[in-house]
């Protein structure tokens, strides 16, 4: 359990919800399979996945595009 505490795993569902909302997803999107999203929305899902992981550095190519 110590490893889970270090990574604050207990807060993962809440952090994921906040991230997805911030990236423009609707609450109902959480129930949709990844295959139901277009390519652009899948890229947002990949970004959310990257942001969920603790890191010291995140490189983005054209982050405002």
Protein backbone atom coordinates (compact mmCIF):
# COMPACT_ATOMS: atom_id res chain seq x y z
CA UNK A 1 0.00 0.00 0.00
CA UNK A 2 2.95 2.30 0.51
CA UNK A 3 3.61 2.54 -3.22
CA UNK A 4 -0.01 3.47 -3.86
CA UNK A 5 0.18 6.18 -1.21
CA UNK A 6 3.34 7.61 -2.77
CA UNK A 7 1.54 8.03 -6.10
CA UNK A 8 -1.68 9.19 -4.43
CA UNK A 9 -3.62 6.42 -6.18
CA UNK A 10 -6.61 7.08 -3.94
CA UNK A 11 -7.17 10.40 -5.72
CA UNK A 12 -6.82 9.04 -9.28
CA UNK A 13 -10.54 8.90 -10.14
CA UNK A 14 -11.07 12.49 -9.02
CA UNK A 15 -7.95 13.73 -10.83
CA UNK A 16 -8.99 11.89 -14.02
CA UNK A 17 -12.45 13.44 -13.87
CA UNK A 18 -10.98 16.92 -13.45
CA UNK A 19 -8.49 16.40 -16.28
CA UNK A 20 -11.11 15.11 -18.70
CA UNK A 21 -13.44 18.01 -17.98
CA UNK A 22 -10.56 20.43 -18.48
CA UNK A 23 -9.85 18.88 -21.86
CA UNK A 24 -13.45 19.39 -22.98
CA UNK A 25 -14.98 15.98 -22.30
CA UNK A 26 -18.57 15.72 -21.08
CA UNK A 27 -19.39 13.69 -17.98
CA UNK A 28 -21.21 11.16 -20.19
CA UNK A 29 -18.02 10.54 -22.20
CA UNK A 30 -16.60 8.52 -19.30
CA UNK A 31 -18.93 5.66 -20.24
CA UNK A 32 -17.93 5.58 -23.92
CA UNK A 33 -15.31 3.15 -25.23
CA UNK A 34 -12.15 4.71 -26.64
CA UNK A 35 -13.05 3.34 -30.08
CA UNK A 36 -16.13 5.61 -30.12
CA UNK A 37 -13.97 8.77 -30.16
CA UNK A 38 -12.54 10.47 -33.23
CA UNK A 39 -8.80 10.75 -33.74
CA UNK A 40 -8.67 14.24 -32.26
CA UNK A 41 -10.49 13.19 -29.11
CA UNK A 42 -8.23 10.16 -28.79
CA UNK A 43 -5.25 12.50 -28.80
CA UNK A 44 -6.87 14.34 -25.89
CA UNK A 45 -7.30 11.02 -24.11
CA UNK A 46 -3.59 10.32 -24.62
CA UNK A 47 -2.76 13.74 -23.21
CA UNK A 48 -4.95 13.05 -20.17
CA UNK A 49 -3.16 9.74 -19.68
CA UNK A 50 0.22 11.49 -19.78
CA UNK A 51 -0.93 14.16 -17.34
CA UNK A 52 -2.13 11.54 -14.85
CA UNK A 53 1.41 10.26 -14.40
CA UNK A 54 3.81 12.09 -12.13
CA UNK A 55 6.65 13.61 -14.12
CA UNK A 56 9.31 16.25 -13.85
CA UNK A 57 9.08 17.21 -17.51
CA UNK A 58 6.38 17.19 -20.17
CA UNK A 59 7.25 18.16 -23.75
CA UNK A 60 4.40 19.29 -25.98
CA UNK A 61 4.59 19.99 -29.69
CA UNK A 62 2.24 22.84 -30.61
CA UNK A 63 0.24 22.64 -27.35
CA UNK A 64 -2.16 25.38 -28.45
CA UNK A 65 -2.95 23.79 -31.79
